[in-house]
C-alpha cells in the first residue's frame, strides 16, 4: 500500500482545496423581459430559450 513519505503542509493542502469554495449562482438579465434568470436555462416566466418558445408562458 502506498504511503506518503512526508506530511502535506497546510499551505499545500490549502492550495489543493482552494477551488472547492462555494460560489453564489450567477444571473443574467433577460433581453426580452428584463427579469433575472440563470444563464443557459429556460426563462420560466416567458417560456423562451434562445429565441424559441419552449414552455407555455405563465
N, C-alpha and C. Protein backbone atom coordinates (compact mmCIF):
# COMPACT_ATOMS: atom_id res chain seq x y z
N UNK A 1 0.84 -1.18 0.00
CA UNK A 1 0.00 0.00 0.00
C UNK A 1 0.89 1.24 0.00
N UNK A 2 0.60 2.21 -0.86
CA UNK A 2 1.40 3.42 -0.95
C UNK A 2 1.14 4.32 0.25
N UNK A 3 2.23 4.81 0.82
CA UNK A 3 2.16 5.69 1.98
C UNK A 3 2.97 6.95 1.67
N UNK A 4 2.46 8.15 1.97
CA UNK A 4 3.23 9.36 1.69
C UNK A 4 4.51 9.39 2.51
N UNK A 5 5.57 9.88 1.88
CA UNK A 5 6.86 9.95 2.57
C UNK A 5 6.89 11.10 3.57
N UNK A 6 6.23 12.21 3.24
CA UNK A 6 6.23 13.38 4.10
C UNK A 6 4.80 13.86 4.37
N UNK A 7 4.62 14.55 5.48
CA UNK A 7 3.33 15.14 5.81
C UNK A 7 3.06 16.31 4.87
N UNK A 8 1.82 16.40 4.36
CA UNK A 8 1.44 17.51 3.50
C UNK A 8 1.26 18.76 4.34
N UNK A 9 1.93 19.85 3.96
CA UNK A 9 1.87 21.09 4.74
C UNK A 9 0.49 21.73 4.61
N UNK A 10 0.20 22.65 5.53
CA UNK A 10 -1.07 23.36 5.50
C UNK A 10 -1.21 24.18 4.22
N UNK A 11 -0.11 24.74 3.73
CA UNK A 11 -0.15 25.54 2.51
C UNK A 11 -0.51 24.67 1.31
N UNK A 12 0.13 23.53 1.16
CA UNK A 12 -0.16 22.64 0.03
C UNK A 12 -1.59 22.10 0.11
N UNK A 13 -2.04 21.78 1.30
CA UNK A 13 -3.40 21.29 1.49
C UNK A 13 -4.40 22.38 1.12
N UNK A 14 -4.11 23.62 1.51
CA UNK A 14 -4.98 24.73 1.19
C UNK A 14 -5.01 25.04 -0.29
N UNK A 15 -3.86 24.94 -0.96
CA UNK A 15 -3.81 25.16 -2.41
C UNK A 15 -4.64 24.11 -3.15
N UNK A 16 -4.62 22.90 -2.68
CA UNK A 16 -5.39 21.83 -3.31
C UNK A 16 -6.89 22.07 -3.14
N UNK A 17 -7.29 22.60 -1.99
CA UNK A 17 -8.71 22.80 -1.69
C UNK A 17 -9.21 24.18 -2.11
N UNK A 18 -8.38 25.00 -2.71
CA UNK A 18 -8.74 26.39 -2.98
C UNK A 18 -9.93 26.50 -3.94
N UNK A 19 -10.06 25.59 -4.89
CA UNK A 19 -11.13 25.68 -5.88
C UNK A 19 -12.44 25.08 -5.40
N UNK A 20 -12.49 24.55 -4.19
CA UNK A 20 -13.69 23.87 -3.71
C UNK A 20 -14.68 24.80 -3.01
N UNK A 21 -14.37 26.11 -2.95
CA UNK A 21 -15.24 27.04 -2.25
C UNK A 21 -16.58 27.16 -2.97
N UNK A 22 -17.65 27.36 -2.22
CA UNK A 22 -18.98 27.53 -2.80
C UNK A 22 -19.07 28.90 -3.44
N UNK A 23 -19.71 28.98 -4.59
CA UNK A 23 -19.89 30.24 -5.29
C UNK A 23 -21.38 30.54 -5.38
N UNK A 24 -21.70 31.83 -5.32
CA UNK A 24 -23.09 32.24 -5.49
C UNK A 24 -23.49 32.01 -6.94
N UNK A 25 -24.73 31.56 -7.19
CA UNK A 25 -25.13 31.33 -8.58
C UNK A 25 -25.17 32.64 -9.36
N UNK A 26 -24.78 32.58 -10.63
CA UNK A 26 -24.75 33.78 -11.47
C UNK A 26 -26.10 33.94 -12.15
N UNK A 27 -26.49 35.20 -12.35
CA UNK A 27 -27.73 35.53 -13.02
C UNK A 27 -27.44 36.54 -14.12
N UNK A 28 -28.23 36.50 -15.18
CA UNK A 28 -28.13 37.49 -16.25
C UNK A 28 -29.51 38.11 -16.44
N UNK A 29 -29.52 39.30 -17.02
CA UNK A 29 -30.78 39.96 -17.30
C UNK A 29 -31.32 39.46 -18.63
N UNK A 30 -32.56 39.02 -18.63
CA UNK A 30 -33.18 38.51 -19.85
C UNK A 30 -33.41 39.66 -20.82
N UNK A 31 -33.09 39.45 -22.11
CA UNK A 31 -33.19 40.52 -23.10
C UNK A 31 -34.62 40.95 -23.35
N UNK A 32 -35.55 40.01 -23.36
CA UNK A 32 -36.94 40.35 -23.71
C UNK A 32 -37.73 40.86 -22.52
N UNK A 33 -37.62 40.20 -21.36
CA UNK A 33 -38.45 40.58 -20.21
C UNK A 33 -37.72 41.48 -19.22
N UNK A 34 -36.40 41.46 -19.21
CA UNK A 34 -35.66 42.27 -18.24
C UNK A 34 -35.53 41.61 -16.88
N UNK A 35 -36.08 40.41 -16.74
CA UNK A 35 -36.00 39.68 -15.47
C UNK A 35 -34.65 38.99 -15.36
N UNK A 36 -34.25 38.69 -14.14
CA UNK A 36 -33.02 37.94 -13.91
C UNK A 36 -33.29 36.44 -14.08
N UNK A 37 -32.38 35.76 -14.75
CA UNK A 37 -32.51 34.31 -14.91
C UNK A 37 -31.11 33.71 -14.97
N UNK A 38 -31.04 32.38 -14.79
CA UNK A 38 -29.76 31.68 -14.87
C UNK A 38 -29.32 31.59 -16.32
N UNK A 39 -28.02 31.73 -16.61
CA UNK A 39 -27.58 31.57 -17.99
C UNK A 39 -27.75 30.11 -18.46
N UNK A 40 -28.10 29.92 -19.70
CA UNK A 40 -28.31 28.62 -20.32
C UNK A 40 -29.49 27.87 -19.71
N UNK A 41 -30.47 28.59 -19.19
CA UNK A 41 -31.68 27.99 -18.65
C UNK A 41 -32.90 28.63 -19.31
N UNK A 42 -34.01 27.89 -19.33
CA UNK A 42 -35.26 28.41 -19.89
C UNK A 42 -35.79 29.48 -18.97
N UNK A 43 -36.27 30.60 -19.55
CA UNK A 43 -36.94 31.63 -18.77
C UNK A 43 -38.32 31.11 -18.40
N UNK A 44 -38.57 30.86 -17.12
CA UNK A 44 -39.83 30.23 -16.70
C UNK A 44 -41.02 31.17 -16.83
N UNK A 45 -40.79 32.48 -16.84
CA UNK A 45 -41.91 33.42 -16.94
C UNK A 45 -42.44 33.46 -18.37
N UNK A 46 -41.54 33.63 -19.34
CA UNK A 46 -41.99 33.71 -20.74
C UNK A 46 -41.94 32.36 -21.45
N UNK A 47 -41.17 31.41 -20.95
CA UNK A 47 -41.05 30.10 -21.59
C UNK A 47 -40.12 30.08 -22.78
N UNK A 48 -39.31 31.14 -22.95
CA UNK A 48 -38.42 31.25 -24.10
C UNK A 48 -37.02 30.75 -23.75
N UNK A 49 -36.36 30.17 -24.76
CA UNK A 49 -34.95 29.78 -24.64
C UNK A 49 -34.30 29.99 -25.99
N UNK A 50 -33.29 30.84 -26.04
CA UNK A 50 -32.54 31.16 -27.25
C UNK A 50 -33.46 31.60 -28.39
N UNK A 51 -34.46 32.43 -28.05
CA UNK A 51 -35.36 32.97 -29.07
C UNK A 51 -36.48 32.04 -29.50
N UNK A 52 -36.60 30.87 -28.90
CA UNK A 52 -37.64 29.92 -29.27
C UNK A 52 -38.59 29.69 -28.09
N UNK A 53 -39.86 29.46 -28.39
CA UNK A 53 -40.85 29.18 -27.36
C UNK A 53 -40.74 27.70 -26.98
N UNK A 54 -40.34 27.42 -25.74
CA UNK A 54 -40.16 26.05 -25.28
C UNK A 54 -41.31 25.61 -24.38
N UNK A 55 -41.70 26.47 -23.44
CA UNK A 55 -42.76 26.16 -22.50
C UNK A 55 -43.92 27.12 -22.68
N UNK A 56 -45.07 26.74 -22.13
CA UNK A 56 -46.22 27.63 -22.12
C UNK A 56 -45.93 28.79 -21.15
N UNK A 57 -46.15 30.04 -21.55
CA UNK A 57 -45.92 31.16 -20.62
C UNK A 57 -46.94 31.14 -19.49
N UNK A 58 -46.51 31.62 -18.33
CA UNK A 58 -47.40 31.61 -17.15
C UNK A 58 -48.37 32.78 -17.21
